[in-house]
Amino acid sequence: MKLRVYLTFDESTVREPLIWKLGKEFNVVTNIRTAEVKNHMGLVGLEIDGESDVVEAATAWLADQGVKVAPIEQDVIEG
């Protein structure tokens, strides 16, 4: 399963290596598609690829860390 999400980091999470930890702790491949990071916030467009139950657990873990996780709507043409 490949899931595309926007991750929003606040001041307390923006300096943490959470995407790195995500790939290390869960058996998923992460691909940063876009990012804007500043001292007090960050917005990252991320693809997470892996088994569906693991991807779901990984996104739940991100939310537990204080990261806002929102699905990216796929373009109808893109599929």
C-alpha atoms as a PDB file:
ATOM      1  CA  MET A   1       0.000   0.000   0.000  1.00  0.00           C
ATOM      2  CA  LYS A   2       1.226   3.485  -0.831  1.00  0.00           C
ATOM      3  CA  LEU A   3      -0.310   6.295   1.192  1.00  0.00           C
ATOM      4  CA  ARG A   4       0.271   9.984   0.515  1.00  0.00           C
ATOM      5  CA  VAL A   5      -0.133  12.314   3.463  1.00  0.00           C
ATOM      6  CA  TYR A   6       0.598  15.845   4.568  1.00  0.00           C
ATOM      7  CA  LEU A   7       2.384  16.012   7.884  1.00  0.00           C
ATOM      8  CA  THR A   8       2.170  19.201   9.906  1.00  0.00           C
ATOM      9  CA  PHE A   9       4.795  19.618  12.605  1.00  0.00           C
ATOM     10  CA  ASP A  10       4.432  22.201  15.347  1.00  0.00           C
ATOM     11  CA  GLU A  11       7.130  23.893  17.405  1.00  0.00           C
ATOM     12  CA  SER A  12       7.490  20.891  19.719  1.00  0.00           C
ATOM     13  CA  THR A  13       7.914  18.310  16.920  1.00  0.00           C
ATOM     14  CA  VAL A  14       9.609  20.181  14.062  1.00  0.00           C
ATOM     15  CA  ARG A  15      13.147  19.467  15.302  1.00  0.00           C
ATOM     16  CA  GLU A  16      12.568  15.765  15.992  1.00  0.00           C
ATOM     17  CA  PRO A  17      13.754  13.193  13.383  1.00  0.00           C
ATOM     18  CA  LEU A  18      10.310  11.593  13.261  1.00  0.00           C
ATOM     19  CA  ILE A  19      10.354  10.618   9.564  1.00  0.00           C
ATOM     20  CA  TRP A  20      13.671   8.855  10.112  1.00  0.00           C
ATOM     21  CA  LYS A  21      12.252   7.099  13.204  1.00  0.00           C
ATOM     22  CA  LEU A  22       9.160   6.123  11.209  1.00  0.00           C
ATOM     23  CA  GLY A  23      11.270   4.281   8.634  1.00  0.00           C
ATOM     24  CA  LYS A  24      13.421   2.685  11.344  1.00  0.00           C
ATOM     25  CA  GLU A  25      10.628   1.598  13.707  1.00  0.00           C
ATOM     26  CA  PHE A  26       8.175   0.402  11.059  1.00  0.00           C
ATOM     27  CA  ASN A  27       8.826  -1.656   7.953  1.00  0.00           C
ATOM     28  CA  VAL A  28       7.881   1.172   5.576  1.00  0.00           C
ATOM     29  CA  VAL A  29       9.611   3.151   2.854  1.00  0.00           C
ATOM     30  CA  THR A  30       9.252   6.914   3.145  1.00  0.00           C
ATOM     31  CA  ASN A  31       9.595   9.344   0.259  1.00  0.00           C
ATOM     32  CA  ILE A  32       9.488  13.078   0.940  1.00  0.00           C
ATOM     33  CA  ARG A  33       7.700  14.667  -2.020  1.00  0.00           C
ATOM     34  CA  THR A  34       7.613  18.254  -0.754  1.00  0.00           C
ATOM     35  CA  ALA A  35       8.644  20.082   2.388  1.00  0.00           C
ATOM     36  CA  GLU A  36       8.659  23.507   3.956  1.00  0.00           C
ATOM     37  CA  VAL A  37      10.366  23.623   7.312  1.00  0.00           C
ATOM     38  CA  LYS A  38      10.950  26.639   9.535  1.00  0.00           C
ATOM     39  CA  ASN A  39      12.065  27.052  13.141  1.00  0.00           C
ATOM     40  CA  HIS A  40       8.563  26.836  14.568  1.00  0.00           C
ATOM     41  CA  MET A  41       6.638  24.667  12.051  1.00  0.00           C
ATOM     42  CA  GLY A  42       6.932  22.252   9.175  1.00  0.00           C
ATOM     43  CA  LEU A  43       4.731  20.919   6.393  1.00  0.00           C
ATOM     44  CA  VAL A  44       5.835  17.752   4.606  1.00  0.00           C
ATOM     45  CA  GLY A  45       4.184  15.874   1.756  1.00  0.00           C
ATOM     46  CA  LEU A  46       5.161  12.246   2.347  1.00  0.00           C
ATOM     47  CA  GLU A  47       4.571   8.919   0.630  1.00  0.00           C
ATOM     48  CA  ILE A  48       4.551   5.928   2.950  1.00  0.00           C
ATOM     49  CA  ASP A  49       4.838   2.531   1.270  1.00  0.00           C
ATOM     50  CA  GLY A  50       4.403  -0.820   3.014  1.00  0.00           C
ATOM     51  CA  GLU A  51       1.905  -3.403   4.191  1.00  0.00           C
ATOM     52  CA  SER A  52      -1.456  -1.721   4.821  1.00  0.00           C
ATOM     53  CA  ASP A  53      -1.647  -2.614   8.525  1.00  0.00           C
ATOM     54  CA  VAL A  54       1.914  -1.365   9.074  1.00  0.00           C
ATOM     55  CA  VAL A  55       1.223   1.884   7.192  1.00  0.00           C
ATOM     56  CA  GLU A  56      -1.861   2.441   9.357  1.00  0.00           C
ATOM     57  CA  ALA A  57       0.146   1.772  12.531  1.00  0.00           C
ATOM     58  CA  ALA A  58       2.889   4.117  11.318  1.00  0.00           C
ATOM     59  CA  THR A  59       0.492   6.999  10.688  1.00  0.00           C
ATOM     60  CA  ALA A  60      -1.181   6.405  14.062  1.00  0.00           C
ATOM     61  CA  TRP A  61       2.268   6.535  15.682  1.00  0.00           C
ATOM     62  CA  LEU A  62       2.986   9.887  13.987  1.00  0.00           C
ATOM     63  CA  ALA A  63      -0.283  11.271  15.348  1.00  0.00           C
ATOM     64  CA  ASP A  64       0.645   9.983  18.810  1.00  0.00           C
ATOM     65  CA  GLN A  65       3.908  11.932  18.526  1.00  0.00           C
ATOM     66  CA  GLY A  66       1.926  15.156  18.004  1.00  0.00           C
ATOM     67  CA  VAL A  67       2.137  15.365  14.203  1.00  0.00           C
ATOM     68  CA  LYS A  68      -1.046  16.251  12.325  1.00  0.00           C
ATOM     69  CA  VAL A  69      -1.563  13.640   9.578  1.00  0.00           C
ATOM     70  CA  ALA A  70      -3.916  14.443   6.687  1.00  0.00           C
ATOM     71  CA  PRO A  71      -4.394  12.327   3.557  1.00  0.00           C
ATOM     72  CA  ILE A  72      -3.497  13.872   0.209  1.00  0.00           C
ATOM     73  CA  GLU A  73      -6.366  13.501  -2.201  1.00  0.00           C
ATOM     74  CA  GLN A  74      -5.139  11.695  -5.316  1.00  0.00           C
ATOM     75  CA  ASP A  75      -5.744  13.250  -8.685  1.00  0.00           C
ATOM     76  CA  VAL A  76      -8.338  11.260 -10.676  1.00  0.00           C
ATOM     77  CA  ILE A  77      -6.067  11.227 -13.725  1.00  0.00           C
ATOM     78  CA  GLU A  78      -3.039  10.182 -11.655  1.00  0.00           C
ATOM     79  CA  GLY A  79      -4.945   7.284 -10.112  1.00  0.00           C
END
